[in-house]
Amino acid sequence: MVRAYFTSAVAGAFLLGMATAAVAVTGEFGNMCTQGLATGKDIQTDCSVNAELQGKTYCFGSKEAMAEFMKNPKNNLAKAQTYYSKKHPS
């Protein structure tokens, strides 16, 4: 009897986790990889790899791209903003 409750609790927690993971994150630059933009490339992402800087969410195509970006976030963000504004004018 106790095992059945435990199994149900674990299954419920797993499903809750999956539902939370399915919630889409919306980032700056139309969910494009911020490091990609910093290097002059348009790389669309699902924003599952992301970081928050100065209250804004930035998406990355991979954990490696995010790690590279974080080596110099201020400079890379400036490059990304410059490239994005030229390539995607408002």
Protein backbone atom coordinates (compact mmCIF):
# COMPACT_ATOMS: atom_id res chain seq x y z
CA MET A 1 0.00 0.00 0.00
CA VAL A 2 2.77 2.46 0.96
CA ARG A 3 4.69 1.50 -2.16
CA ALA A 4 1.71 2.41 -4.36
CA TYR A 5 1.49 5.88 -2.80
CA PHE A 6 5.22 6.39 -3.18
CA THR A 7 5.13 5.33 -6.83
CA SER A 8 2.23 7.70 -7.49
CA ALA A 9 4.03 10.56 -5.75
CA VAL A 10 7.18 9.97 -7.80
CA ALA A 11 5.18 9.75 -11.02
CA GLY A 12 3.33 12.96 -10.14
CA ALA A 13 6.56 14.79 -9.38
CA PHE A 14 8.03 13.58 -12.68
CA LEU A 15 5.01 14.79 -14.64
CA LEU A 16 5.08 18.15 -12.87
CA GLY A 17 8.74 18.48 -13.78
CA MET A 18 8.02 17.65 -17.39
CA ALA A 19 5.19 20.19 -17.51
CA THR A 20 7.48 22.85 -16.07
CA ALA A 21 10.19 22.00 -18.59
CA ALA A 22 7.66 22.35 -21.41
CA VAL A 23 6.93 25.98 -20.54
CA ALA A 24 8.43 28.05 -23.32
CA VAL A 25 10.94 30.74 -22.49
CA THR A 26 10.91 33.88 -24.58
CA GLY A 27 14.23 35.62 -24.91
CA GLU A 28 15.66 38.72 -26.46
CA PHE A 29 16.49 38.82 -30.16
CA GLY A 30 13.53 36.64 -31.13
CA ASN A 31 15.01 33.59 -29.37
CA MET A 32 18.12 33.63 -31.55
CA CYS A 33 21.42 32.41 -30.10
CA THR A 34 23.02 35.48 -28.55
CA GLN A 35 26.54 34.10 -29.06
CA GLY A 36 25.68 33.35 -32.68
CA LEU A 37 24.59 36.95 -33.15
CA ALA A 38 27.83 38.15 -31.51
CA THR A 39 29.73 36.24 -34.20
CA GLY A 40 27.52 37.44 -37.05
CA LYS A 41 25.25 34.40 -37.42
CA ASP A 42 21.47 33.99 -37.18
CA ILE A 43 20.89 30.78 -35.22
CA GLN A 44 17.28 30.18 -34.13
CA THR A 45 16.88 28.37 -30.79
CA ASP A 46 14.09 26.97 -28.65
CA CYS A 47 15.63 28.96 -25.76
CA SER A 48 16.02 25.85 -23.60
CA VAL A 49 19.58 27.02 -22.90
CA ASN A 50 19.31 30.54 -21.56
CA ALA A 51 20.73 33.03 -19.09
CA GLU A 52 19.36 36.14 -17.44
CA LEU A 53 21.48 39.28 -17.58
CA GLN A 54 20.34 42.66 -16.31
CA GLY A 55 16.77 41.38 -16.03
CA LYS A 56 16.56 40.10 -19.60
CA THR A 57 16.63 36.52 -20.88
CA TYR A 58 19.13 35.61 -23.57
CA CYS A 59 18.97 32.33 -25.49
CA PHE A 60 21.80 30.13 -26.68
CA GLY A 61 22.00 27.29 -29.17
CA SER A 62 24.05 25.15 -26.78
CA LYS A 63 25.72 25.15 -23.37
CA GLU A 64 29.04 25.62 -25.16
CA ALA A 65 27.75 28.76 -26.89
CA MET A 66 26.56 30.12 -23.54
CA ALA A 67 29.93 29.35 -21.92
CA GLU A 68 31.75 31.15 -24.74
CA PHE A 69 29.43 34.14 -24.41
CA MET A 70 29.97 34.30 -20.64
CA LYS A 71 33.73 34.71 -21.08
CA ASN A 72 33.03 38.35 -21.93
CA PRO A 73 29.27 38.99 -21.68
CA LYS A 74 29.42 42.79 -21.91
CA ASN A 75 31.47 42.78 -25.12
CA ASN A 76 29.57 39.86 -26.66
CA LEU A 77 26.20 41.45 -25.88
CA ALA A 78 27.28 44.69 -27.53
CA LYS A 79 28.34 42.74 -30.64
CA ALA A 80 25.06 40.81 -30.67
CA GLN A 81 23.01 44.00 -30.34
CA THR A 82 24.93 45.72 -33.14
CA TYR A 83 24.59 42.76 -35.51
CA TYR A 84 20.92 42.17 -34.68
CA SER A 85 19.95 45.85 -35.13
CA LYS A 86 21.62 45.95 -38.58
CA LYS A 87 20.25 42.60 -39.74
CA HIS A 88 16.78 42.93 -38.16
CA PRO A 89 15.81 46.62 -38.09
CA SER A 90 12.67 47.43 -36.15
